[in-house]
Amino acid sequence: MPLVPAAAIMKRMGTPGITLERLRALVGAELRYQGIPCILIDVLDQPPVVVLRPIGAAPVIQADNFGKPMRHAPQLFELPVFAPDGVSLSAELKLINVPGDLSPSGD
């Protein structure tokens, strides 16, 4: 199945531009970030961030507020949605690819 950049899927969803609601529609979807298969697990409002969890990745050691190892937890990627200008997509978000069959038009 071909992979499509997430920005291209957002353009096919109707009105131009990306919104957090459109990203929330993809929560639970399998995608790739820098070639790593991931699941989109959340979209946060302030600041606008998408949270990805790599599929099948080994847990990492999570530190407490003082930097001491506390527990094993799944690795997460927190990627900003927008670039510093607040309008265009962040460089990190442009690295996400979504399987083509997730587009609303079914392409």
Protein backbone atom coordinates (compact mmCIF):
# COMPACT_ATOMS: atom_id res chain seq x y z
CA MET A 1 0.00 0.00 0.00
CA PRO A 2 1.51 3.37 -1.00
CA LEU A 3 2.30 5.95 1.66
CA VAL A 4 1.09 9.51 1.24
CA PRO A 5 2.45 12.57 3.09
CA ALA A 6 0.07 13.63 5.85
CA ALA A 7 -0.07 17.14 4.38
CA ALA A 8 -1.50 15.73 1.11
CA ILE A 9 -4.25 13.89 3.02
CA MET A 10 -5.14 17.10 4.86
CA LYS A 11 -5.51 18.93 1.50
CA ARG A 12 -7.95 16.26 0.28
CA MET A 13 -10.16 16.67 3.35
CA GLY A 14 -11.99 19.70 1.94
CA THR A 15 -11.09 23.26 2.81
CA PRO A 16 -7.41 24.13 2.55
CA GLY A 17 -5.26 24.30 5.64
CA ILE A 18 -4.74 21.99 8.53
CA THR A 19 -6.85 22.00 11.67
CA LEU A 20 -6.54 20.06 14.88
CA GLU A 21 -9.99 18.56 14.24
CA ARG A 22 -8.75 17.06 10.97
CA LEU A 23 -5.76 15.59 12.73
CA ARG A 24 -8.00 14.18 15.47
CA ALA A 25 -9.90 12.29 12.76
CA LEU A 26 -6.69 10.28 12.25
CA VAL A 27 -6.23 9.31 15.94
CA GLY A 28 -5.67 5.57 16.07
CA ALA A 29 -4.34 5.46 12.51
CA GLU A 30 -1.12 3.67 11.65
CA LEU A 31 1.41 5.92 9.95
CA ARG A 32 5.13 6.32 9.49
CA TYR A 33 7.39 8.95 11.01
CA GLN A 34 10.91 8.95 9.57
CA GLY A 35 10.22 5.42 8.31
CA ILE A 36 9.19 4.14 11.77
CA PRO A 37 5.69 2.58 11.94
CA CYS A 38 3.68 4.48 14.58
CA ILE A 39 0.16 4.99 15.88
CA LEU A 40 -1.24 8.51 16.24
CA ILE A 41 -2.43 8.44 19.84
CA ASP A 42 -3.36 12.05 20.61
CA VAL A 43 -3.58 15.61 19.32
CA LEU A 44 -2.99 18.28 21.97
CA ASP A 45 -4.31 21.86 21.80
CA GLN A 46 -1.80 23.96 23.72
CA PRO A 47 0.69 23.94 22.20
CA PRO A 48 -0.58 22.16 19.05
CA VAL A 49 1.25 18.83 19.15
CA VAL A 50 0.65 15.34 17.75
CA VAL A 51 1.69 12.39 19.90
CA LEU A 52 2.91 9.22 18.19
CA ARG A 53 3.80 5.84 19.70
CA PRO A 54 6.14 3.58 17.71
CA ILE A 55 4.65 0.16 17.00
CA GLY A 56 6.60 -2.70 18.58
CA ALA A 57 9.30 -0.47 20.07
CA ALA A 58 10.94 -1.56 23.31
CA PRO A 59 9.93 0.50 26.35
CA VAL A 60 12.35 3.19 27.46
CA ILE A 61 13.31 4.15 31.00
CA GLN A 62 11.29 7.16 32.09
CA ALA A 63 12.91 9.61 34.50
CA ASP A 64 11.16 11.47 37.30
CA ASN A 65 11.31 15.27 37.72
CA PHE A 66 14.78 14.97 39.24
CA GLY A 67 16.23 12.88 36.41
CA LYS A 68 16.27 9.62 38.36
CA PRO A 69 15.07 6.48 36.57
CA MET A 70 11.52 5.74 37.60
CA ARG A 71 9.84 3.16 35.33
CA HIS A 72 9.67 1.61 31.87
CA ALA A 73 7.24 3.38 29.56
CA PRO A 74 6.50 3.31 25.84
CA GLN A 75 8.55 5.68 23.75
CA LEU A 76 6.54 8.64 22.46
CA PHE A 77 7.20 11.25 19.79
CA GLU A 78 5.67 14.67 20.46
CA LEU A 79 5.74 16.66 17.22
CA PRO A 80 4.70 20.28 16.81
CA VAL A 81 1.89 20.76 14.29
CA PHE A 82 2.86 24.22 13.11
CA ALA A 83 6.14 25.93 12.23
CA PRO A 84 7.25 28.93 14.31
CA ASP A 85 5.21 31.24 12.03
CA GLY A 86 2.05 29.54 13.41
CA VAL A 87 0.58 28.98 9.93
CA SER A 88 2.66 26.53 7.90
CA LEU A 89 3.24 22.89 8.86
CA SER A 90 6.25 22.09 11.03
CA ALA A 91 9.20 20.31 9.46
CA GLU A 92 8.52 17.35 11.79
CA LEU A 93 4.90 16.98 10.69
CA LYS A 94 6.00 16.99 7.05
CA LEU A 95 8.01 13.81 7.81
CA ILE A 96 4.81 11.84 8.60
CA ASN A 97 3.46 9.51 5.90
CA VAL A 98 -0.01 7.97 6.08
CA PRO A 99 -1.18 4.90 4.14
CA GLY A 100 -3.09 6.07 1.06
CA ASP A 101 -6.30 4.23 1.99
CA LEU A 102 -6.89 6.58 4.96
CA SER A 103 -7.75 9.49 2.72
CA PRO A 104 -11.45 10.40 2.81
CA SER A 105 -11.75 9.98 -0.96
CA GLY A 106 -10.46 6.41 -0.64
CA ASP A 107 -7.51 6.95 -3.05
